[in-house]
Amino acid sequence: MTRFRSEKIHLNKGWKAKLQLGFTELNGKTILNRKKHEGPLRVQKPFYPERNGTCHVYLLHPPGGVVGGDRLEVQVELKTGANALFTTPAAGKFYRSSGSSAFQVQIIKVEDNACLEWFPLENIFFSGAKANIKTKIEINPSSHFIGWDICCLGRPASNEPFIHGSLDQRFEIWMKEKPVRLERLLIQGNDPILSNKWGVDRKTVLGNLVCFTPEKELVDTLREYVKSFKTKDAYSVTFVNGVIQFRCLGNSADQVRKFLTRVWQKLRFEIRGHHAVIPRIWNT
């Protein structure tokens, strides 16, 4: 059995929740063969809407929001040949904190010829929230990973900009204990990065999609494809160290998510040779 090393972070009192999941391939179907949880983190029963046996999993956090002092930790392992897609039934909400930070740690291991698609719905950071989020992906040369994170800063529809609090978000891809991609987003409330053109230029929704693949030529394919969207949202496509990175900025979480979904659909077909199946919970 693989042993995970938990991130050691000093915390004050709050919800402590941990979820450990393991997947394996059996007769052309990916099954959830290991599940352990502590505290308010769960999964619904696996769904199989695809003919190729990909396992669709919905991560649940029954309290519905995260406050200062909370710690959520998700650990996922895909064995050789397994295929799984993860999402959430609703946006994550990080509420205002009077002092302590909230922590969310996600550690994901993808073995040879396994494929993980990681598509949680957006995280909304209320003004005054103090959030520390880390996602670490451990892959092998023949692994496939594609995933996104979507950040909503403040609640502009309620006239509540992100003027207080902090966000420290890390997204890392590692191969054989060596870094492939290390990302860090560090924002303080009312930070100049929020309003200046060299930053996010007053956009309140930040979308970031990464895809591990050796197929560098897909960058040009993707750029041409996105041109047909005729979108007003700012975006970029790059390829570094075997990772396609697609970024976009907007003012609507729904629009940014739809934007990234179309990018995922294109990359999935080009890389895996079959069409993406949208999680049905996105339609509810």
C-alpha atoms as a PDB file:
ATOM      1  CA  MET A   1       0.000   0.000   0.000  1.00  0.00           C
ATOM      2  CA  THR A   2       1.279   3.458  -0.897  1.00  0.00           C
ATOM      3  CA  ARG A   3       1.828   5.700   2.118  1.00  0.00           C
ATOM      4  CA  PHE A   4       1.156   9.403   1.719  1.00  0.00           C
ATOM      5  CA  ARG A   5       3.082  11.989   3.659  1.00  0.00           C
ATOM      6  CA  SER A   6       0.768  14.681   4.962  1.00  0.00           C
ATOM      7  CA  GLU A   7       1.814  18.311   4.583  1.00  0.00           C
ATOM      8  CA  LYS A   8       2.888  19.594   8.007  1.00  0.00           C
ATOM      9  CA  ILE A   9       1.207  22.935   8.605  1.00  0.00           C
ATOM     10  CA  HIS A  10       0.493  24.556  11.970  1.00  0.00           C
ATOM     11  CA  LEU A  11      -3.208  25.203  12.362  1.00  0.00           C
ATOM     12  CA  ASN A  12      -5.610  26.654  14.870  1.00  0.00           C
ATOM     13  CA  LYS A  13      -8.898  24.960  15.706  1.00  0.00           C
ATOM     14  CA  GLY A  14     -11.348  24.282  12.894  1.00  0.00           C
ATOM     15  CA  TRP A  15     -12.694  21.454  10.761  1.00  0.00           C
ATOM     16  CA  LYS A  16     -10.044  18.803  10.088  1.00  0.00           C
ATOM     17  CA  ALA A  17     -11.052  16.581   7.202  1.00  0.00           C
ATOM     18  CA  LYS A  18      -9.137  14.022   5.145  1.00  0.00           C
ATOM     19  CA  LEU A  19     -10.156  11.851   2.208  1.00  0.00           C
ATOM     20  CA  GLN A  20      -8.002   9.067   0.721  1.00  0.00           C
ATOM     21  CA  LEU A  21      -9.026   7.397  -2.531  1.00  0.00           C
ATOM     22  CA  GLY A  22      -7.397   4.680  -4.615  1.00  0.00           C
ATOM     23  CA  PHE A  23      -8.353   3.534  -8.122  1.00  0.00           C
ATOM     24  CA  THR A  24      -7.392   0.512 -10.182  1.00  0.00           C
ATOM     25  CA  GLU A  25      -8.266  -0.857 -13.618  1.00  0.00           C
ATOM     26  CA  LEU A  26     -10.205  -4.126 -13.785  1.00  0.00           C
ATOM     27  CA  ASN A  27     -11.399  -5.673 -17.043  1.00  0.00           C
ATOM     28  CA  GLY A  28     -11.423  -2.338 -18.885  1.00  0.00           C
ATOM     29  CA  LYS A  29     -13.194  -0.460 -16.092  1.00  0.00           C
ATOM     30  CA  THR A  30     -11.727   1.799 -13.409  1.00  0.00           C
ATOM     31  CA  ILE A  31     -12.978   0.976  -9.946  1.00  0.00           C
ATOM     32  CA  LEU A  32     -12.704   2.776  -6.625  1.00  0.00           C
ATOM     33  CA  ASN A  33     -10.978   0.071  -4.586  1.00  0.00           C
ATOM     34  CA  ARG A  34      -9.817   2.113  -1.588  1.00  0.00           C
ATOM     35  CA  LYS A  35     -11.707   4.782   0.333  1.00  0.00           C
ATOM     36  CA  LYS A  36     -11.022   6.260   3.743  1.00  0.00           C
ATOM     37  CA  HIS A  37     -12.302   9.503   5.227  1.00  0.00           C
ATOM     38  CA  GLU A  38     -12.051  11.542   8.386  1.00  0.00           C
ATOM     39  CA  GLY A  39     -14.305  14.528   9.042  1.00  0.00           C
ATOM     40  CA  PRO A  40     -16.615  16.202   6.514  1.00  0.00           C
ATOM     41  CA  LEU A  41     -15.194  15.031   3.183  1.00  0.00           C
ATOM     42  CA  ARG A  42     -17.003  12.400   1.101  1.00  0.00           C
ATOM     43  CA  VAL A  43     -17.528  11.099  -2.406  1.00  0.00           C
ATOM     44  CA  GLN A  44     -20.752  10.053  -4.045  1.00  0.00           C
ATOM     45  CA  LYS A  45     -20.883   6.622  -5.619  1.00  0.00           C
ATOM     46  CA  PRO A  46     -18.797   6.457  -8.820  1.00  0.00           C
ATOM     47  CA  PHE A  47     -20.531   7.110 -12.137  1.00  0.00           C
ATOM     48  CA  TYR A  48     -19.709   5.504 -15.487  1.00  0.00           C
ATOM     49  CA  PRO A  49     -21.154   7.658 -18.274  1.00  0.00           C
ATOM     50  CA  GLU A  50     -18.386   6.708 -20.737  1.00  0.00           C
ATOM     51  CA  ARG A  51     -17.937   3.543 -22.762  1.00  0.00           C
ATOM     52  CA  ASN A  52     -14.219   3.393 -21.991  1.00  0.00           C
ATOM     53  CA  GLY A  53     -14.836   2.715 -18.295  1.00  0.00           C
ATOM     54  CA  THR A  54     -13.641   6.108 -17.013  1.00  0.00           C
ATOM     55  CA  CYS A  55     -14.757   6.598 -13.411  1.00  0.00           C
ATOM     56  CA  HIS A  56     -16.466   9.947 -12.683  1.00  0.00           C
ATOM     57  CA  VAL A  57     -16.163  11.021  -9.050  1.00  0.00           C
ATOM     58  CA  TYR A  58     -17.828  13.919  -7.221  1.00  0.00           C
ATOM     59  CA  LEU A  59     -15.988  15.318  -4.203  1.00  0.00           C
ATOM     60  CA  LEU A  60     -18.359  16.484  -1.462  1.00  0.00           C
ATOM     61  CA  HIS A  61     -17.763  18.883   1.423  1.00  0.00           C
ATOM     62  CA  PRO A  62     -21.088  18.877   3.329  1.00  0.00           C
ATOM     63  CA  PRO A  63     -20.435  22.061   5.386  1.00  0.00           C
ATOM     64  CA  GLY A  64     -20.473  23.933   2.090  1.00  0.00           C
ATOM     65  CA  GLY A  65     -17.841  26.529   2.996  1.00  0.00           C
ATOM     66  CA  VAL A  66     -14.363  26.880   4.475  1.00  0.00           C
ATOM     67  CA  VAL A  67     -13.449  29.213   7.341  1.00  0.00           C
ATOM     68  CA  GLY A  68     -10.262  30.167   9.148  1.00  0.00           C
ATOM     69  CA  GLY A  69      -8.636  27.211  10.903  1.00  0.00           C
ATOM     70  CA  ASP A  70     -10.195  24.583   8.626  1.00  0.00           C
ATOM     71  CA  ARG A  71      -7.923  22.022   7.016  1.00  0.00           C
ATOM     72  CA  LEU A  72      -9.091  19.864   4.120  1.00  0.00           C
ATOM     73  CA  GLU A  73      -6.803  17.224   2.653  1.00  0.00           C
ATOM     74  CA  VAL A  74      -7.547  15.028  -0.365  1.00  0.00           C
ATOM     75  CA  GLN A  75      -5.227  12.211  -1.431  1.00  0.00           C
ATOM     76  CA  VAL A  76      -5.839  10.375  -4.693  1.00  0.00           C
ATOM     77  CA  GLU A  77      -3.896   7.528  -6.269  1.00  0.00           C
ATOM     78  CA  LEU A  78      -4.488   6.066  -9.736  1.00  0.00           C
ATOM     79  CA  LYS A  79      -2.833   2.715 -10.389  1.00  0.00           C
ATOM     80  CA  THR A  80      -1.507   1.656 -13.794  1.00  0.00           C
ATOM     81  CA  GLY A  81      -4.128   1.948 -16.545  1.00  0.00           C
ATOM     82  CA  ALA A  82      -6.811   3.595 -14.409  1.00  0.00           C
ATOM     83  CA  ASN A  83      -8.887   6.506 -15.755  1.00  0.00           C
ATOM     84  CA  ALA A  84     -10.783   8.914 -13.521  1.00  0.00           C
ATOM     85  CA  LEU A  85     -12.453  12.312 -13.733  1.00  0.00           C
ATOM     86  CA  PHE A  86     -12.983  14.430 -10.612  1.00  0.00           C
ATOM     87  CA  THR A  87     -15.298  17.365 -10.090  1.00  0.00           C
ATOM     88  CA  THR A  88     -17.412  18.971  -7.374  1.00  0.00           C
ATOM     89  CA  PRO A  89     -21.177  19.564  -7.209  1.00  0.00           C
ATOM     90  CA  ALA A  90     -20.838  23.252  -6.304  1.00  0.00           C
ATOM     91  CA  ALA A  91     -18.365  26.092  -6.039  1.00  0.00           C
ATOM     92  CA  GLY A  92     -16.050  26.163  -3.042  1.00  0.00           C
ATOM     93  CA  LYS A  93     -16.493  29.129  -0.714  1.00  0.00           C
ATOM     94  CA  PHE A  94     -13.769  30.567   1.492  1.00  0.00           C
ATOM     95  CA  TYR A  95     -15.343  32.896   4.004  1.00  0.00           C
ATOM     96  CA  ARG A  96     -13.936  35.897   5.845  1.00  0.00           C
ATOM     97  CA  SER A  97     -11.529  35.021   8.658  1.00  0.00           C
ATOM     98  CA  SER A  98     -10.916  36.971  11.847  1.00  0.00           C
ATOM     99  CA  GLY A  99      -7.376  35.621  12.163  1.00  0.00           C
ATOM    100  CA  SER A 100      -6.556  32.031  11.204  1.00  0.00           C
ATOM    101  CA  SER A 101      -5.913  30.793   7.668  1.00  0.00           C
ATOM    102  CA  ALA A 102      -7.848  27.999   5.991  1.00  0.00           C
ATOM    103  CA  PHE A 103      -5.826  25.226   4.343  1.00  0.00           C
ATOM    104  CA  GLN A 104      -6.695  22.936   1.468  1.00  0.00           C
ATOM    105  CA  VAL A 105      -4.138  20.330   0.365  1.00  0.00           C
ATOM    106  CA  GLN A 106      -4.594  17.980  -2.598  1.00  0.00           C
ATOM    107  CA  ILE A 107      -1.999  15.278  -3.304  1.00  0.00           C
ATOM    108  CA  ILE A 108      -2.528  13.236  -6.467  1.00  0.00           C
ATOM    109  CA  LYS A 109      -0.475  10.316  -7.792  1.00  0.00           C
ATOM    110  CA  VAL A 110      -0.919   9.071 -11.363  1.00  0.00           C
ATOM    111  CA  GLU A 111       0.941   5.881 -12.303  1.00  0.00           C
ATOM    112  CA  ASP A 112       2.020   4.627 -15.748  1.00  0.00           C
ATOM    113  CA  ASN A 113      -0.631   4.744 -18.486  1.00  0.00           C
ATOM    114  CA  ALA A 114      -3.178   6.132 -16.031  1.00  0.00           C
ATOM    115  CA  CYS A 115      -5.210   9.266 -16.782  1.00  0.00           C
ATOM    116  CA  LEU A 116      -6.602  11.805 -14.338  1.00  0.00           C
ATOM    117  CA  GLU A 117      -8.901  14.675 -15.297  1.00  0.00           C
ATOM    118  CA  TRP A 118      -9.240  17.160 -12.427  1.00  0.00           C
ATOM    119  CA  PHE A 119     -12.069  19.685 -12.786  1.00  0.00           C
ATOM    120  CA  PRO A 120     -13.361  21.078  -9.482  1.00  0.00           C
ATOM    121  CA  LEU A 121     -15.782  23.959  -9.836  1.00  0.00           C
ATOM    122  CA  GLU A 122     -14.558  27.430  -8.999  1.00  0.00           C
ATOM    123  CA  ASN A 123     -13.381  28.597  -5.581  1.00  0.00           C
ATOM    124  CA  ILE A 124     -14.921  31.873  -4.402  1.00  0.00           C
ATOM    125  CA  PHE A 125     -12.767  33.913  -2.031  1.00  0.00           C
ATOM    126  CA  PHE A 126     -14.822  36.346   0.017  1.00  0.00           C
ATOM    127  CA  SER A 127     -13.197  39.616   1.005  1.00  0.00           C
ATOM    128  CA  GLY A 128     -11.379  38.956   4.264  1.00  0.00           C
ATOM    129  CA  ALA A 129     -10.719  35.280   3.509  1.00  0.00           C
ATOM    130  CA  LYS A 130      -7.295  33.871   4.344  1.00  0.00           C
ATOM    131  CA  ALA A 131      -6.701  30.826   2.172  1.00  0.00           C
ATOM    132  CA  ASN A 132      -3.684  28.613   1.629  1.00  0.00           C
ATOM    133  CA  ILE A 133      -4.209  26.027  -1.133  1.00  0.00           C
ATOM    134  CA  LYS A 134      -1.777  23.476  -2.503  1.00  0.00           C
ATOM    135  CA  THR A 135      -2.296  20.954  -5.302  1.00  0.00           C
ATOM    136  CA  LYS A 136       0.554  18.530  -5.961  1.00  0.00           C
ATOM    137  CA  ILE A 137       0.433  16.142  -8.931  1.00  0.00           C
ATOM    138  CA  GLU A 138       2.938  13.273  -9.055  1.00  0.00           C
ATOM    139  CA  ILE A 139       3.178  11.681 -12.500  1.00  0.00           C
ATOM    140  CA  ASN A 140       5.235   9.222 -14.548  1.00  0.00           C
ATOM    141  CA  PRO A 141       6.422   9.702 -18.153  1.00  0.00           C
ATOM    142  CA  SER A 142       3.492   7.707 -19.552  1.00  0.00           C
ATOM    143  CA  SER A 143       0.891   9.284 -17.242  1.00  0.00           C
ATOM    144  CA  HIS A 144      -1.718  11.701 -18.521  1.00  0.00           C
ATOM    145  CA  PHE A 145      -3.021  14.607 -16.470  1.00  0.00           C
ATOM    146  CA  ILE A 146      -5.255  17.501 -17.388  1.00  0.00           C
ATOM    147  CA  GLY A 147      -6.857  19.777 -14.837  1.00  0.00           C
ATOM    148  CA  TRP A 148      -7.824  23.304 -13.925  1.00  0.00           C
ATOM    149  CA  ASP A 149      -8.310  25.714 -11.093  1.00  0.00           C
ATOM    150  CA  ILE A 150     -10.704  28.671 -11.240  1.00  0.00           C
ATOM    151  CA  CYS A 151     -10.430  31.494  -8.695  1.00  0.00           C
ATOM    152  CA  CYS A 152     -13.122  34.090  -8.075  1.00  0.00           C
ATOM    153  CA  LEU A 153     -11.822  37.079  -6.118  1.00  0.00           C
ATOM    154  CA  GLY A 154     -14.532  38.718  -4.066  1.00  0.00           C
ATOM    155  CA  ARG A 155     -18.199  38.912  -5.017  1.00  0.00           C
ATOM    156  CA  PRO A 156     -18.507  41.766  -7.516  1.00  0.00           C
ATOM    157  CA  ALA A 157     -22.196  41.028  -8.171  1.00  0.00           C
ATOM    158  CA  SER A 158     -22.818  41.910  -4.508  1.00  0.00           C
ATOM    159  CA  ASN A 159     -20.457  44.890  -4.710  1.00  0.00           C
ATOM    160  CA  GLU A 160     -17.917  43.129  -2.484  1.00  0.00           C
ATOM    161  CA  PRO A 161     -14.441  43.349  -4.082  1.00  0.00           C
ATOM    162  CA  PHE A 162     -11.489  41.451  -2.619  1.00  0.00           C
ATOM    163  CA  ILE A 163     -10.099  44.327  -0.538  1.00  0.00           C
ATOM    164  CA  HIS A 164      -9.038  42.371   2.564  1.00  0.00           C
ATOM    165  CA  GLY A 165      -7.513  38.965   3.218  1.00  0.00           C
ATOM    166  CA  SER A 166      -4.990  36.837   1.349  1.00  0.00           C
ATOM    167  CA  LEU A 167      -4.699  33.965  -1.101  1.00  0.00           C
ATOM    168  CA  ASP A 168      -1.621  31.757  -1.364  1.00  0.00           C
ATOM    169  CA  GLN A 169      -2.234  29.111  -4.023  1.00  0.00           C
ATOM    170  CA  ARG A 170       0.293  26.576  -5.323  1.00  0.00           C
ATOM    171  CA  PHE A 171      -0.101  24.158  -8.219  1.00  0.00           C
ATOM    172  CA  GLU A 172       2.758  21.717  -8.742  1.00  0.00           C
ATOM    173  CA  ILE A 173       3.564  18.861 -11.110  1.00  0.00           C
ATOM    174  CA  TRP A 174       6.380  16.465 -10.147  1.00  0.00           C
ATOM    175  CA  MET A 175       7.952  13.508 -11.926  1.00  0.00           C
ATOM    176  CA  LYS A 176      10.137  11.053 -10.017  1.00  0.00           C
ATOM    177  CA  GLU A 177      10.680  13.601  -7.225  1.00  0.00           C
ATOM    178  CA  LYS A 178      11.783  16.293  -9.696  1.00  0.00           C
ATOM    179  CA  PRO A 179       9.681  19.413 -10.402  1.00  0.00           C
ATOM    180  CA  VAL A 180       8.084  19.726 -13.834  1.00  0.00           C
ATOM    181  CA  ARG A 181       5.892  22.756 -13.169  1.00  0.00           C
ATOM    182  CA  LEU A 182       5.713  24.922 -10.049  1.00  0.00           C
ATOM    183  CA  GLU A 183       3.077  27.647  -9.930  1.00  0.00           C
ATOM    184  CA  ARG A 184       2.341  30.078  -7.129  1.00  0.00           C
ATOM    185  CA  LEU A 185      -0.325  32.760  -6.961  1.00  0.00           C
ATOM    186  CA  LEU A 186       0.047  35.120  -4.013  1.00  0.00           C
ATOM    187  CA  ILE A 187      -2.512  37.907  -3.636  1.00  0.00           C
ATOM    188  CA  GLN A 188      -3.262  40.259  -0.766  1.00  0.00           C
ATOM    189  CA  GLY A 189      -6.522  42.178  -0.458  1.00  0.00           C
ATOM    190  CA  ASN A 190      -6.442  45.414  -2.465  1.00  0.00           C
ATOM    191  CA  ASP A 191      -3.124  44.302  -3.991  1.00  0.00           C
ATOM    192  CA  PRO A 192      -2.016  46.448  -6.984  1.00  0.00           C
ATOM    193  CA  ILE A 193      -1.968  43.244  -9.057  1.00  0.00           C
ATOM    194  CA  LEU A 194      -5.770  43.289  -8.956  1.00  0.00           C
ATOM    195  CA  SER A 195      -6.204  46.627 -10.719  1.00  0.00           C
ATOM    196  CA  ASN A 196      -3.158  47.123 -12.954  1.00  0.00           C
ATOM    197  CA  LYS A 197      -2.827  46.001 -16.559  1.00  0.00           C
ATOM    198  CA  TRP A 198       0.397  44.178 -15.674  1.00  0.00           C
ATOM    199  CA  GLY A 199      -1.712  42.118 -13.268  1.00  0.00           C
ATOM    200  CA  VAL A 200      -5.275  40.916 -13.721  1.00  0.00           C
ATOM    201  CA  ASP A 201      -6.573  44.312 -14.894  1.00  0.00           C
ATOM    202  CA  ARG A 202      -9.664  44.384 -12.614  1.00  0.00           C
ATOM    203  CA  LYS A 203     -10.777  40.952 -13.810  1.00  0.00           C
ATOM    204  CA  THR A 204     -12.252  38.977 -10.941  1.00  0.00           C
ATOM    205  CA  VAL A 205     -12.091  35.423 -12.322  1.00  0.00           C
ATOM    206  CA  LEU A 206      -8.778  33.664 -13.029  1.00  0.00           C
ATOM    207  CA  GLY A 207      -8.788  30.391 -14.962  1.00  0.00           C
ATOM    208  CA  ASN A 208      -5.777  28.124 -15.310  1.00  0.00           C
ATOM    209  CA  LEU A 209      -5.750  24.792 -17.181  1.00  0.00           C
ATOM    210  CA  VAL A 210      -2.697  22.537 -17.424  1.00  0.00           C
ATOM    211  CA  CYS A 211      -2.209  19.449 -19.563  1.00  0.00           C
ATOM    212  CA  PHE A 212       0.782  17.111 -19.340  1.00  0.00           C
ATOM    213  CA  THR A 213       1.608  15.861 -22.830  1.00  0.00           C
ATOM    214  CA  PRO A 214       4.682  15.509 -25.070  1.00  0.00           C
ATOM    215  CA  GLU A 215       2.676  16.742 -28.082  1.00  0.00           C
ATOM    216  CA  LYS A 216       4.006  20.280 -28.406  1.00  0.00           C
ATOM    217  CA  GLU A 217       2.280  20.800 -31.755  1.00  0.00           C
ATOM    218  CA  LEU A 218      -1.053  20.871 -29.911  1.00  0.00           C
ATOM    219  CA  VAL A 219      -0.244  24.419 -28.794  1.00  0.00           C
ATOM    220  CA  ASP A 220      -0.671  25.726 -32.360  1.00  0.00           C
ATOM    221  CA  THR A 221      -3.766  23.569 -32.823  1.00  0.00           C
ATOM    222  CA  LEU A 222      -5.250  24.963 -29.641  1.00  0.00           C
ATOM    223  CA  ARG A 223      -4.431  28.565 -30.520  1.00  0.00           C
ATOM    224  CA  GLU A 224      -6.190  28.257 -33.858  1.00  0.00           C
ATOM    225  CA  TYR A 225      -9.154  26.552 -32.225  1.00  0.00           C
ATOM    226  CA  VAL A 226      -9.590  29.243 -29.564  1.00  0.00           C
ATOM    227  CA  LYS A 227      -9.534  31.993 -32.195  1.00  0.00           C
ATOM    228  CA  SER A 228     -12.911  30.704 -33.374  1.00  0.00           C
ATOM    229  CA  PHE A 229     -14.470  31.472 -29.985  1.00  0.00           C
ATOM    230  CA  LYS A 230     -14.354  35.221 -30.675  1.00  0.00           C
ATOM    231  CA  THR A 231     -14.139  35.807 -26.945  1.00  0.00           C
ATOM    232  CA  LYS A 232     -13.377  39.119 -25.273  1.00  0.00           C
ATOM    233  CA  ASP A 233     -11.711  37.381 -22.335  1.00  0.00           C
ATOM    234  CA  ALA A 234      -7.914  37.619 -22.206  1.00  0.00           C
ATOM    235  CA  TYR A 235      -6.108  34.296 -22.657  1.00  0.00           C
ATOM    236  CA  SER A 236      -2.727  32.739 -23.399  1.00  0.00           C
ATOM    237  CA  VAL A 237      -1.414  29.316 -24.453  1.00  0.00           C
ATOM    238  CA  THR A 238       2.130  28.157 -23.673  1.00  0.00           C
ATOM    239  CA  PHE A 239       4.163  24.935 -23.652  1.00  0.00           C
ATOM    240  CA  VAL A 240       7.033  24.386 -21.195  1.00  0.00           C
ATOM    241  CA  ASN A 241       8.615  21.111 -20.015  1.00  0.00           C
ATOM    242  CA  GLY A 242       5.896  18.930 -21.503  1.00  0.00           C
ATOM    243  CA  VAL A 243       3.037  20.977 -20.068  1.00  0.00           C
ATOM    244  CA  ILE A 244       0.466  22.934 -22.055  1.00  0.00           C
ATOM    245  CA  GLN A 245      -0.781  25.830 -19.958  1.00  0.00           C
ATOM    246  CA  PHE A 246      -3.925  27.731 -20.846  1.00  0.00           C
ATOM    247  CA  ARG A 247      -4.750  30.852 -18.821  1.00  0.00           C
ATOM    248  CA  CYS A 248      -7.709  33.177 -19.084  1.00  0.00           C
ATOM    249  CA  LEU A 249      -9.133  36.180 -17.258  1.00  0.00           C
ATOM    250  CA  GLY A 250     -12.781  37.182 -17.092  1.00  0.00           C
ATOM    251  CA  ASN A 251     -15.549  38.580 -14.938  1.00  0.00           C
ATOM    252  CA  SER A 252     -17.895  35.593 -15.003  1.00  0.00           C
ATOM    253  CA  ALA A 253     -17.128  32.238 -13.398  1.00  0.00           C
ATOM    254  CA  ASP A 254     -19.695  30.569 -15.632  1.00  0.00           C
ATOM    255  CA  GLN A 255     -18.113  31.981 -18.799  1.00  0.00           C
ATOM    256  CA  VAL A 256     -14.566  31.119 -17.740  1.00  0.00           C
ATOM    257  CA  ARG A 257     -15.628  27.570 -16.866  1.00  0.00           C
ATOM    258  CA  LYS A 258     -17.317  27.166 -20.258  1.00  0.00           C
ATOM    259  CA  PHE A 259     -14.171  28.538 -21.918  1.00  0.00           C
ATOM    260  CA  LEU A 260     -11.945  26.011 -20.147  1.00  0.00           C
ATOM    261  CA  THR A 261     -14.421  23.213 -20.831  1.00  0.00           C
ATOM    262  CA  ARG A 262     -14.144  23.775 -24.568  1.00  0.00           C
ATOM    263  CA  VAL A 263     -10.353  23.722 -24.281  1.00  0.00           C
ATOM    264  CA  TRP A 264     -10.537  20.431 -22.355  1.00  0.00           C
ATOM    265  CA  GLN A 265     -12.882  18.930 -24.963  1.00  0.00           C
ATOM    266  CA  LYS A 266     -10.460  19.782 -27.745  1.00  0.00           C
ATOM    267  CA  LEU A 267      -7.388  18.470 -25.942  1.00  0.00           C
ATOM    268  CA  ARG A 268      -9.118  15.292 -24.850  1.00  0.00           C
ATOM    269  CA  PHE A 269     -10.088  14.368 -28.374  1.00  0.00           C
ATOM    270  CA  GLU A 270      -6.669  15.234 -29.795  1.00  0.00           C
ATOM    271  CA  ILE A 271      -4.743  13.305 -27.116  1.00  0.00           C
ATOM    272  CA  ARG A 272      -7.032  10.405 -26.210  1.00  0.00           C
ATOM    273  CA  GLY A 273      -9.003  10.001 -29.415  1.00  0.00           C
ATOM    274  CA  HIS A 274     -12.515  10.119 -27.969  1.00  0.00           C
ATOM    275  CA  HIS A 275     -14.963  12.827 -27.048  1.00  0.00           C
ATOM    276  CA  ALA A 276     -15.252  14.309 -23.566  1.00  0.00           C
ATOM    277  CA  VAL A 277     -18.360  13.472 -21.581  1.00  0.00           C
ATOM    278  CA  ILE A 278     -19.515  16.442 -19.508  1.00  0.00           C
ATOM    279  CA  PRO A 279     -20.251  15.502 -15.864  1.00  0.00           C
ATOM    280  CA  ARG A 280     -24.008  15.532 -15.605  1.00  0.00           C
ATOM    281  CA  ILE A 281     -23.924  17.460 -12.338  1.00  0.00           C
ATOM    282  CA  TRP A 282     -22.727  20.515 -14.283  1.00  0.00           C
ATOM    283  CA  ASN A 283     -26.132  20.648 -15.902  1.00  0.00           C
ATOM    284  CA  THR A 284     -28.080  20.862 -12.629  1.00  0.00           C
END
